[in-house]
Amino acid sequence: MRFDLVDLQLFIAVADQRSITRGAERSHLALASASARIKGLEDALGVALLKRGRRGVELTAAGESLLDHARLVIHQIDAMRGDLAGFASGVRASVHFLANTSGLSEHLPKALAGFLREHRDIAVDIEERESTDIAAAITAGAADLGFAAEHALPEHIERFPFSEDRLTLVTSKRGPFAGRRQIDFQEAGSCDFVGLTSATALQMHISRHAARLGIRQHVRARLRDFDAICQMVAADVGVALVPEAAARRCAKTMPLAMVRLRDAWANRRLVICARSFKALPRPAKMLVEHLRAEAV
């Protein structure tokens, strides 16, 4: 049985969009051609892959199985292309790494810099994602490695601890709660906030828990990094939730007060994860060993 990569890419697009029409558009194919390709896949496999309805399509059990394998195949093909293209640019291999906001800003830069300095023939392609999205991507084989909050990972994903991450409320020295040592997030719900941009993984995490508590945050400013957020807080614009590591770093040079959150969701164990560490390409395995040595 032979598979066409265009067919597999089309099937992934149709599954993601839950629509043959939108899947065809995403794959830059005519609808008639896309329909014929999906039908050809089903005929070749001898099984229905999609349940077609008025509102789109749903995957059958066989379709779910094919989707999992198709993602792995396409990821491997993309990795192969990247590695081979690297020979032309002088970089011979690359690692696709997904990380949450705290990882990108506070925990990984120093460790990754050390690795890249030692291995000049390896590139690391790193993207910011929310921990739950990282878990889905690792499960689907869409990335080599992830840096995520452990609570978001299903049991089948392999992992090892890298660091602890506690979200901390920061306020100006003259702001609300400046004299407090601990607080429940609910108490700060009516305050003005300074936050990250809405699309960042950590801001989505905070917003989701605020919504569960019935808190509608009044965000006066949205910024892209923790240093800028803490500068706004120090100027008494509002309070903010930031990782404890960022709060401690900024408090050394800014008039800030740190207040620990008692909420369980504010304490996160951060881990390096993979679908299978043993099955990783050699460059990714080398990065894993480096990160194990750097783990706190």
C-alpha atoms as a PDB file:
ATOM      1  CA  MET A   1       0.000   0.000   0.000  1.00  0.00           C
ATOM      2  CA  ARG A   2       1.446   3.355  -1.071  1.00  0.00           C
ATOM      3  CA  PHE A   3       0.587   6.745   0.450  1.00  0.00           C
ATOM      4  CA  ASP A   4       0.851  10.143  -1.207  1.00  0.00           C
ATOM      5  CA  LEU A   5       2.209  12.908   1.070  1.00  0.00           C
ATOM      6  CA  VAL A   6      -0.257  15.365  -0.455  1.00  0.00           C
ATOM      7  CA  ASP A   7      -3.087  13.011   0.556  1.00  0.00           C
ATOM      8  CA  LEU A   8      -1.778  12.775   4.111  1.00  0.00           C
ATOM      9  CA  GLN A   9      -1.355  16.570   4.391  1.00  0.00           C
ATOM     10  CA  LEU A  10      -4.857  17.048   3.015  1.00  0.00           C
ATOM     11  CA  PHE A  11      -6.306  14.546   5.473  1.00  0.00           C
ATOM     12  CA  ILE A  12      -4.628  16.362   8.398  1.00  0.00           C
ATOM     13  CA  ALA A  13      -6.033  19.687   7.148  1.00  0.00           C
ATOM     14  CA  VAL A  14      -9.550  18.231   6.772  1.00  0.00           C
ATOM     15  CA  ALA A  15      -9.357  16.701  10.268  1.00  0.00           C
ATOM     16  CA  ASP A  16      -8.137  19.967  11.819  1.00  0.00           C
ATOM     17  CA  GLN A  17     -10.789  22.048  10.048  1.00  0.00           C
ATOM     18  CA  ARG A  18     -13.555  19.422  10.414  1.00  0.00           C
ATOM     19  CA  SER A  19     -14.477  20.305   6.833  1.00  0.00           C
ATOM     20  CA  ILE A  20     -13.407  19.002   3.415  1.00  0.00           C
ATOM     21  CA  THR A  21     -14.041  22.447   1.922  1.00  0.00           C
ATOM     22  CA  ARG A  22     -11.858  24.311   4.436  1.00  0.00           C
ATOM     23  CA  GLY A  23      -9.290  21.507   4.363  1.00  0.00           C
ATOM     24  CA  ALA A  24      -9.061  21.846   0.594  1.00  0.00           C
ATOM     25  CA  GLU A  25      -8.593  25.621   0.900  1.00  0.00           C
ATOM     26  CA  ARG A  26      -5.836  25.166   3.489  1.00  0.00           C
ATOM     27  CA  SER A  27      -4.129  22.619   1.208  1.00  0.00           C
ATOM     28  CA  HIS A  28      -4.550  24.862  -1.869  1.00  0.00           C
ATOM     29  CA  LEU A  29      -6.592  22.218  -3.705  1.00  0.00           C
ATOM     30  CA  ALA A  30      -9.856  22.436  -5.603  1.00  0.00           C
ATOM     31  CA  LEU A  31     -12.791  20.968  -3.669  1.00  0.00           C
ATOM     32  CA  ALA A  32     -13.438  18.308  -6.329  1.00  0.00           C
ATOM     33  CA  SER A  33      -9.784  17.231  -6.256  1.00  0.00           C
ATOM     34  CA  ALA A  34      -9.741  17.128  -2.447  1.00  0.00           C
ATOM     35  CA  SER A  35     -12.942  15.044  -2.309  1.00  0.00           C
ATOM     36  CA  ALA A  36     -11.523  12.614  -4.859  1.00  0.00           C
ATOM     37  CA  ARG A  37      -8.290  12.257  -2.881  1.00  0.00           C
ATOM     38  CA  ILE A  38     -10.140  11.522   0.375  1.00  0.00           C
ATOM     39  CA  LYS A  39     -12.350   8.997  -1.418  1.00  0.00           C
ATOM     40  CA  GLY A  40      -9.227   7.419  -2.924  1.00  0.00           C
ATOM     41  CA  LEU A  41      -7.695   7.054   0.543  1.00  0.00           C
ATOM     42  CA  GLU A  42     -10.832   5.368   1.855  1.00  0.00           C
ATOM     43  CA  ASP A  43     -10.989   3.028  -1.149  1.00  0.00           C
ATOM     44  CA  ALA A  44      -7.305   2.120  -0.818  1.00  0.00           C
ATOM     45  CA  LEU A  45      -7.673   1.384   2.893  1.00  0.00           C
ATOM     46  CA  GLY A  46     -11.039  -0.301   2.536  1.00  0.00           C
ATOM     47  CA  VAL A  47     -12.549   1.647   5.438  1.00  0.00           C
ATOM     48  CA  ALA A  48     -14.459   4.898   6.008  1.00  0.00           C
ATOM     49  CA  LEU A  49     -12.282   7.632   7.476  1.00  0.00           C
ATOM     50  CA  LEU A  50     -14.884  10.400   7.801  1.00  0.00           C
ATOM     51  CA  LYS A  51     -18.500  10.721   8.846  1.00  0.00           C
ATOM     52  CA  ARG A  52     -20.003  13.337   6.575  1.00  0.00           C
ATOM     53  CA  GLY A  53     -22.805  15.601   7.801  1.00  0.00           C
ATOM     54  CA  ARG A  54     -24.453  18.951   7.133  1.00  0.00           C
ATOM     55  CA  ARG A  55     -22.159  20.748   9.546  1.00  0.00           C
ATOM     56  CA  GLY A  56     -18.929  19.199   8.309  1.00  0.00           C
ATOM     57  CA  VAL A  57     -17.139  15.940   8.949  1.00  0.00           C
ATOM     58  CA  GLU A  58     -16.165  13.869  11.977  1.00  0.00           C
ATOM     59  CA  LEU A  59     -13.388  11.283  12.124  1.00  0.00           C
ATOM     60  CA  THR A  60     -14.226   7.615  12.441  1.00  0.00           C
ATOM     61  CA  ALA A  61     -12.069   5.415  14.699  1.00  0.00           C
ATOM     62  CA  ALA A  62     -10.036   4.478  11.614  1.00  0.00           C
ATOM     63  CA  GLY A  63      -9.739   8.174  10.749  1.00  0.00           C
ATOM     64  CA  GLU A  64      -8.406   8.984  14.219  1.00  0.00           C
ATOM     65  CA  SER A  65      -5.789   6.242  13.818  1.00  0.00           C
ATOM     66  CA  LEU A  66      -4.743   7.502  10.376  1.00  0.00           C
ATOM     67  CA  LEU A  67      -4.542  11.085  11.687  1.00  0.00           C
ATOM     68  CA  ASP A  68      -2.119  10.055  14.432  1.00  0.00           C
ATOM     69  CA  HIS A  69       0.138   8.214  11.970  1.00  0.00           C
ATOM     70  CA  ALA A  70      -0.137  10.951   9.333  1.00  0.00           C
ATOM     71  CA  ARG A  71       1.026  13.618  11.788  1.00  0.00           C
ATOM     72  CA  LEU A  72       4.047  11.494  12.712  1.00  0.00           C
ATOM     73  CA  VAL A  73       4.934  10.903   9.059  1.00  0.00           C
ATOM     74  CA  ILE A  74       4.650  14.587   8.115  1.00  0.00           C
ATOM     75  CA  HIS A  75       6.651  15.624  11.194  1.00  0.00           C
ATOM     76  CA  GLN A  76       9.431  13.208  10.238  1.00  0.00           C
ATOM     77  CA  ILE A  77       9.411  14.455   6.646  1.00  0.00           C
ATOM     78  CA  ASP A  78       9.615  18.063   7.844  1.00  0.00           C
ATOM     79  CA  ALA A  79      12.463  17.127  10.205  1.00  0.00           C
ATOM     80  CA  MET A  80      14.284  15.414   7.341  1.00  0.00           C
ATOM     81  CA  ARG A  81      13.879  18.469   5.109  1.00  0.00           C
ATOM     82  CA  GLY A  82      15.097  20.751   7.878  1.00  0.00           C
ATOM     83  CA  ASP A  83      18.125  18.608   8.614  1.00  0.00           C
ATOM     84  CA  LEU A  84      19.094  18.283   4.941  1.00  0.00           C
ATOM     85  CA  ALA A  85      18.518  21.980   4.294  1.00  0.00           C
ATOM     86  CA  GLY A  86      20.809  22.638   7.233  1.00  0.00           C
ATOM     87  CA  PHE A  87      23.748  21.140   5.357  1.00  0.00           C
ATOM     88  CA  ALA A  88      23.464  23.922   2.767  1.00  0.00           C
ATOM     89  CA  SER A  89      23.408  26.651   5.430  1.00  0.00           C
ATOM     90  CA  GLY A  90      26.175  25.145   7.556  1.00  0.00           C
ATOM     91  CA  VAL A  91      23.791  24.037  10.312  1.00  0.00           C
ATOM     92  CA  ARG A  92      23.483  20.265  10.101  1.00  0.00           C
ATOM     93  CA  ALA A  93      20.518  19.520  12.379  1.00  0.00           C
ATOM     94  CA  SER A  94      17.610  21.164  14.194  1.00  0.00           C
ATOM     95  CA  VAL A  95      15.372  20.448  17.198  1.00  0.00           C
ATOM     96  CA  HIS A  96      11.717  21.547  17.295  1.00  0.00           C
ATOM     97  CA  PHE A  97      11.047  22.693  20.880  1.00  0.00           C
ATOM     98  CA  LEU A  98       7.771  24.041  22.325  1.00  0.00           C
ATOM     99  CA  ALA A  99       7.813  26.016  25.590  1.00  0.00           C
ATOM    100  CA  ASN A 100       5.368  27.922  27.767  1.00  0.00           C
ATOM    101  CA  THR A 101       5.787  31.624  28.596  1.00  0.00           C
ATOM    102  CA  SER A 102       7.751  31.124  31.833  1.00  0.00           C
ATOM    103  CA  GLY A 103      10.101  28.701  30.139  1.00  0.00           C
ATOM    104  CA  LEU A 104      10.876  31.059  27.284  1.00  0.00           C
ATOM    105  CA  SER A 105      11.411  34.118  29.447  1.00  0.00           C
ATOM    106  CA  GLU A 106      12.912  32.847  32.694  1.00  0.00           C
ATOM    107  CA  HIS A 107      14.066  29.228  32.725  1.00  0.00           C
ATOM    108  CA  LEU A 108      15.402  28.194  29.313  1.00  0.00           C
ATOM    109  CA  PRO A 109      17.484  31.033  27.800  1.00  0.00           C
ATOM    110  CA  LYS A 110      20.649  30.387  29.819  1.00  0.00           C
ATOM    111  CA  ALA A 111      20.471  26.592  29.392  1.00  0.00           C
ATOM    112  CA  LEU A 112      19.781  26.837  25.655  1.00  0.00           C
ATOM    113  CA  ALA A 113      22.552  29.387  25.159  1.00  0.00           C
ATOM    114  CA  GLY A 114      25.046  27.010  26.738  1.00  0.00           C
ATOM    115  CA  PHE A 115      23.914  24.144  24.519  1.00  0.00           C
ATOM    116  CA  LEU A 116      24.034  26.186  21.317  1.00  0.00           C
ATOM    117  CA  ARG A 117      27.450  27.535  22.215  1.00  0.00           C
ATOM    118  CA  GLU A 118      28.770  23.972  22.594  1.00  0.00           C
ATOM    119  CA  HIS A 119      26.983  22.588  19.498  1.00  0.00           C
ATOM    120  CA  ARG A 120      27.304  25.098  16.678  1.00  0.00           C
ATOM    121  CA  ASP A 121      26.060  22.565  14.113  1.00  0.00           C
ATOM    122  CA  ILE A 122      22.624  22.267  15.813  1.00  0.00           C
ATOM    123  CA  ALA A 123      19.775  24.794  15.675  1.00  0.00           C
ATOM    124  CA  VAL A 124      16.819  24.933  18.070  1.00  0.00           C
ATOM    125  CA  ASP A 125      13.484  26.026  16.613  1.00  0.00           C
ATOM    126  CA  ILE A 126      11.547  27.161  19.697  1.00  0.00           C
ATOM    127  CA  GLU A 127       7.900  28.257  19.799  1.00  0.00           C
ATOM    128  CA  GLU A 128       5.719  29.572  22.619  1.00  0.00           C
ATOM    129  CA  ARG A 129       2.603  27.524  23.389  1.00  0.00           C
ATOM    130  CA  GLU A 130       0.281  26.944  26.333  1.00  0.00           C
ATOM    131  CA  SER A 131       1.103  23.788  28.300  1.00  0.00           C
ATOM    132  CA  THR A 132      -2.074  21.983  27.193  1.00  0.00           C
ATOM    133  CA  ASP A 133      -1.248  22.743  23.541  1.00  0.00           C
ATOM    134  CA  ILE A 134       2.299  21.466  24.078  1.00  0.00           C
ATOM    135  CA  ALA A 135       0.895  18.203  25.429  1.00  0.00           C
ATOM    136  CA  ALA A 136      -1.322  17.805  22.344  1.00  0.00           C
ATOM    137  CA  ALA A 137       1.551  18.580  19.975  1.00  0.00           C
ATOM    138  CA  ILE A 138       3.922  16.134  21.680  1.00  0.00           C
ATOM    139  CA  THR A 139       1.250  13.424  21.630  1.00  0.00           C
ATOM    140  CA  ALA A 140       0.653  14.034  17.921  1.00  0.00           C
ATOM    141  CA  GLY A 141       4.372  13.961  17.134  1.00  0.00           C
ATOM    142  CA  ALA A 142       4.315  17.582  15.939  1.00  0.00           C
ATOM    143  CA  ALA A 143       7.387  18.569  17.996  1.00  0.00           C
ATOM    144  CA  ASP A 144      10.493  16.892  19.391  1.00  0.00           C
ATOM    145  CA  LEU A 145      10.485  18.339  22.903  1.00  0.00           C
ATOM    146  CA  GLY A 146       8.286  20.389  25.175  1.00  0.00           C
ATOM    147  CA  PHE A 147       8.750  22.549  28.275  1.00  0.00           C
ATOM    148  CA  ALA A 148       5.445  22.601  30.131  1.00  0.00           C
ATOM    149  CA  ALA A 149       3.634  22.595  33.463  1.00  0.00           C
ATOM    150  CA  GLU A 150       3.443  18.964  34.553  1.00  0.00           C
ATOM    151  CA  HIS A 151      -0.236  19.110  35.541  1.00  0.00           C
ATOM    152  CA  ALA A 152      -1.182  19.650  31.875  1.00  0.00           C
ATOM    153  CA  LEU A 153       0.488  16.451  30.641  1.00  0.00           C
ATOM    154  CA  PRO A 154      -1.288  13.095  30.194  1.00  0.00           C
ATOM    155  CA  GLU A 155       0.381  10.075  31.795  1.00  0.00           C
ATOM    156  CA  HIS A 156       1.717   8.584  28.550  1.00  0.00           C
ATOM    157  CA  ILE A 157       4.030  11.548  27.851  1.00  0.00           C
ATOM    158  CA  GLU A 158       7.535  11.010  29.224  1.00  0.00           C
ATOM    159  CA  ARG A 159       9.007  13.828  31.304  1.00  0.00           C
ATOM    160  CA  PHE A 160      11.629  14.854  33.840  1.00  0.00           C
ATOM    161  CA  PRO A 161      11.517  17.825  36.246  1.00  0.00           C
ATOM    162  CA  PHE A 162      13.429  20.958  35.290  1.00  0.00           C
ATOM    163  CA  SER A 163      12.324  23.652  37.761  1.00  0.00           C
ATOM    164  CA  GLU A 164       9.542  24.945  39.994  1.00  0.00           C
ATOM    165  CA  ASP A 165       7.428  27.907  38.940  1.00  0.00           C
ATOM    166  CA  ARG A 166       5.278  29.837  41.412  1.00  0.00           C
ATOM    167  CA  LEU A 167       3.078  32.683  40.204  1.00  0.00           C
ATOM    168  CA  THR A 168       3.458  35.681  42.496  1.00  0.00           C
ATOM    169  CA  LEU A 169       1.401  38.851  42.873  1.00  0.00           C
ATOM    170  CA  VAL A 170       3.557  41.961  42.531  1.00  0.00           C
ATOM    171  CA  THR A 171       2.435  45.399  43.644  1.00  0.00           C
ATOM    172  CA  SER A 172       4.159  48.727  44.156  1.00  0.00           C
ATOM    173  CA  LYS A 173       5.595  49.482  47.586  1.00  0.00           C
ATOM    174  CA  ARG A 174       2.659  51.830  48.197  1.00  0.00           C
ATOM    175  CA  GLY A 175       0.089  49.675  46.407  1.00  0.00           C
ATOM    176  CA  PRO A 176      -2.617  47.337  47.739  1.00  0.00           C
ATOM    177  CA  PHE A 177      -1.452  44.270  49.651  1.00  0.00           C
ATOM    178  CA  ALA A 178       2.132  45.618  49.900  1.00  0.00           C
ATOM    179  CA  GLY A 179       2.217  44.645  53.558  1.00  0.00           C
ATOM    180  CA  ARG A 180       0.810  41.145  53.016  1.00  0.00           C
ATOM    181  CA  ARG A 181       2.854  37.929  52.804  1.00  0.00           C
ATOM    182  CA  GLN A 182       0.145  35.740  51.222  1.00  0.00           C
ATOM    183  CA  ILE A 183      -3.144  36.274  49.438  1.00  0.00           C
ATOM    184  CA  ASP A 184      -5.904  34.389  47.646  1.00  0.00           C
ATOM    185  CA  PHE A 185      -6.270  35.482  44.027  1.00  0.00           C
ATOM    186  CA  GLN A 186      -9.973  36.126  44.691  1.00  0.00           C
ATOM    187  CA  GLU A 187      -9.023  39.019  47.022  1.00  0.00           C
ATOM    188  CA  ALA A 188      -7.186  40.786  44.206  1.00  0.00           C
ATOM    189  CA  GLY A 189      -9.979  40.327  41.684  1.00  0.00           C
ATOM    190  CA  SER A 190     -11.230  43.924  41.879  1.00  0.00           C
ATOM    191  CA  CYS A 191      -7.778  45.486  41.404  1.00  0.00           C
ATOM    192  CA  ASP A 192      -6.442  47.081  38.251  1.00  0.00           C
ATOM    193  CA  PHE A 193      -4.060  44.651  36.542  1.00  0.00           C
ATOM    194  CA  VAL A 194      -1.060  44.878  34.264  1.00  0.00           C
ATOM    195  CA  GLY A 195      -0.824  41.764  32.135  1.00  0.00           C
ATOM    196  CA  LEU A 196       0.809  39.999  29.246  1.00  0.00           C
ATOM    197  CA  THR A 197      -0.656  40.241  25.751  1.00  0.00           C
ATOM    198  CA  SER A 198      -3.770  38.093  25.399  1.00  0.00           C
ATOM    199  CA  ALA A 199      -2.178  35.534  23.064  1.00  0.00           C
ATOM    200  CA  THR A 200       0.629  34.514  25.439  1.00  0.00           C
ATOM    201  CA  ALA A 201       0.373  31.092  27.035  1.00  0.00           C
ATOM    202  CA  LEU A 202       0.698  32.333  30.625  1.00  0.00           C
ATOM    203  CA  GLN A 203      -1.949  35.042  30.179  1.00  0.00           C
ATOM    204  CA  MET A 204      -4.386  32.438  28.844  1.00  0.00           C
ATOM    205  CA  HIS A 205      -3.621  30.270  31.896  1.00  0.00           C
ATOM    206  CA  ILE A 206      -4.292  33.169  34.281  1.00  0.00           C
ATOM    207  CA  SER A 207      -7.438  34.297  32.427  1.00  0.00           C
ATOM    208  CA  ARG A 208      -8.879  30.789  32.470  1.00  0.00           C
ATOM    209  CA  HIS A 209      -8.513  30.497  36.255  1.00  0.00           C
ATOM    210  CA  ALA A 210      -9.842  34.026  36.762  1.00  0.00           C
ATOM    211  CA  ALA A 211     -12.948  33.062  34.780  1.00  0.00           C
ATOM    212  CA  ARG A 212     -13.429  29.932  36.902  1.00  0.00           C
ATOM    213  CA  LEU A 213     -13.413  32.138  40.002  1.00  0.00           C
ATOM    214  CA  GLY A 214     -15.893  34.543  38.410  1.00  0.00           C
ATOM    215  CA  ILE A 215     -13.270  37.290  38.183  1.00  0.00           C
ATOM    216  CA  ARG A 216     -13.400  39.685  35.259  1.00  0.00           C
ATOM    217  CA  GLN A 217      -9.974  41.261  35.271  1.00  0.00           C
ATOM    218  CA  HIS A 218      -9.667  44.969  34.548  1.00  0.00           C
ATOM    219  CA  VAL A 219      -6.384  45.046  32.625  1.00  0.00           C
ATOM    220  CA  ARG A 220      -5.065  48.591  32.182  1.00  0.00           C
ATOM    221  CA  ALA A 221      -2.038  47.643  30.087  1.00  0.00           C
ATOM    222  CA  ARG A 222      -0.862  44.555  28.211  1.00  0.00           C
ATOM    223  CA  LEU A 223       2.853  44.163  27.580  1.00  0.00           C
ATOM    224  CA  ARG A 224       5.116  41.534  26.036  1.00  0.00           C
ATOM    225  CA  ASP A 225       7.641  40.860  28.827  1.00  0.00           C
ATOM    226  CA  PHE A 226       7.851  40.686  32.605  1.00  0.00           C
ATOM    227  CA  ASP A 227      10.369  43.523  32.977  1.00  0.00           C
ATOM    228  CA  ALA A 228       8.007  45.982  31.290  1.00  0.00           C
ATOM    229  CA  ILE A 229       5.073  44.685  33.365  1.00  0.00           C
ATOM    230  CA  CYS A 230       7.012  45.156  36.607  1.00  0.00           C
ATOM    231  CA  GLN A 231       8.005  48.696  35.604  1.00  0.00           C
ATOM    232  CA  MET A 232       4.301  49.522  35.192  1.00  0.00           C
ATOM    233  CA  VAL A 233       3.509  47.939  38.564  1.00  0.00           C
ATOM    234  CA  ALA A 234       6.340  49.862  40.247  1.00  0.00           C
ATOM    235  CA  ALA A 235       4.764  53.045  38.851  1.00  0.00           C
ATOM    236  CA  ASP A 236       1.509  52.071  40.631  1.00  0.00           C
ATOM    237  CA  VAL A 237      -0.473  51.444  37.420  1.00  0.00           C
ATOM    238  CA  GLY A 238      -1.822  48.170  38.810  1.00  0.00           C
ATOM    239  CA  VAL A 239      -0.887  44.773  40.207  1.00  0.00           C
ATOM    240  CA  ALA A 240       0.334  41.785  38.201  1.00  0.00           C
ATOM    241  CA  LEU A 241       0.840  38.044  38.335  1.00  0.00           C
ATOM    242  CA  VAL A 242       4.325  37.013  37.233  1.00  0.00           C
ATOM    243  CA  PRO A 243       6.601  34.003  37.842  1.00  0.00           C
ATOM    244  CA  GLU A 244       8.445  34.237  41.152  1.00  0.00           C
ATOM    245  CA  ALA A 245      11.822  34.129  39.355  1.00  0.00           C
ATOM    246  CA  ALA A 246      10.887  37.223  37.326  1.00  0.00           C
ATOM    247  CA  ALA A 247       9.473  38.987  40.394  1.00  0.00           C
ATOM    248  CA  ARG A 248      12.662  38.411  42.410  1.00  0.00           C
ATOM    249  CA  ARG A 249      14.855  39.585  39.547  1.00  0.00           C
ATOM    250  CA  CYS A 250      12.843  42.783  38.997  1.00  0.00           C
ATOM    251  CA  ALA A 251      12.472  43.513  42.731  1.00  0.00           C
ATOM    252  CA  LYS A 252      16.262  43.952  42.929  1.00  0.00           C
ATOM    253  CA  THR A 253      16.074  47.130  40.835  1.00  0.00           C
ATOM    254  CA  MET A 254      12.447  48.278  41.193  1.00  0.00           C
ATOM    255  CA  PRO A 255      10.291  49.358  44.182  1.00  0.00           C
ATOM    256  CA  LEU A 256       8.104  46.238  44.212  1.00  0.00           C
ATOM    257  CA  ALA A 257       6.439  44.157  46.902  1.00  0.00           C
ATOM    258  CA  MET A 258       5.944  40.410  46.361  1.00  0.00           C
ATOM    259  CA  VAL A 259       2.889  38.585  47.738  1.00  0.00           C
ATOM    260  CA  ARG A 260       2.628  34.808  47.518  1.00  0.00           C
ATOM    261  CA  LEU A 261      -0.586  33.351  46.065  1.00  0.00           C
ATOM    262  CA  ARG A 262      -2.198  30.602  48.135  1.00  0.00           C
ATOM    263  CA  ASP A 263      -4.119  29.207  45.130  1.00  0.00           C
ATOM    264  CA  ALA A 264      -2.976  25.703  44.175  1.00  0.00           C
ATOM    265  CA  TRP A 265      -3.028  26.510  40.436  1.00  0.00           C
ATOM    266  CA  ALA A 266      -0.365  29.173  40.996  1.00  0.00           C
ATOM    267  CA  ASN A 267       2.243  26.540  41.881  1.00  0.00           C
ATOM    268  CA  ARG A 268       3.551  24.690  38.845  1.00  0.00           C
ATOM    269  CA  ARG A 269       6.182  22.016  38.396  1.00  0.00           C
ATOM    270  CA  LEU A 270       7.892  22.622  35.059  1.00  0.00           C
ATOM    271  CA  VAL A 271       9.172  19.643  33.115  1.00  0.00           C
ATOM    272  CA  ILE A 272      10.945  18.704  29.887  1.00  0.00           C
ATOM    273  CA  CYS A 273       8.734  16.270  27.984  1.00  0.00           C
ATOM    274  CA  ALA A 274       8.729  14.085  24.878  1.00  0.00           C
ATOM    275  CA  ARG A 275       6.622  11.343  23.362  1.00  0.00           C
ATOM    276  CA  SER A 276       9.599   9.004  23.863  1.00  0.00           C
ATOM    277  CA  PHE A 277      13.070  10.150  24.862  1.00  0.00           C
ATOM    278  CA  LYS A 278      14.619   6.980  23.422  1.00  0.00           C
ATOM    279  CA  ALA A 279      12.985   7.541  20.011  1.00  0.00           C
ATOM    280  CA  LEU A 280      14.210  11.133  19.637  1.00  0.00           C
ATOM    281  CA  PRO A 281      16.630  12.071  16.850  1.00  0.00           C
ATOM    282  CA  ARG A 282      20.231  12.308  18.041  1.00  0.00           C
ATOM    283  CA  PRO A 283      20.348  16.164  18.199  1.00  0.00           C
ATOM    284  CA  ALA A 284      17.231  16.191  20.401  1.00  0.00           C
ATOM    285  CA  LYS A 285      18.752  13.502  22.645  1.00  0.00           C
ATOM    286  CA  MET A 286      21.874  15.643  23.026  1.00  0.00           C
ATOM    287  CA  LEU A 287      19.724  18.611  24.059  1.00  0.00           C
ATOM    288  CA  VAL A 288      17.831  16.430  26.549  1.00  0.00           C
ATOM    289  CA  GLU A 289      21.079  15.343  28.230  1.00  0.00           C
ATOM    290  CA  HIS A 290      22.206  18.964  28.442  1.00  0.00           C
ATOM    291  CA  LEU A 291      18.896  20.039  30.001  1.00  0.00           C
ATOM    292  CA  ARG A 292      19.009  17.157  32.522  1.00  0.00           C
ATOM    293  CA  ALA A 293      22.359  18.487  33.713  1.00  0.00           C
ATOM    294  CA  GLU A 294      20.944  22.031  33.943  1.00  0.00           C
ATOM    295  CA  ALA A 295      17.776  21.046  35.845  1.00  0.00           C
ATOM    296  CA  VAL A 296      17.333  22.646  39.246  1.00  0.00           C
END
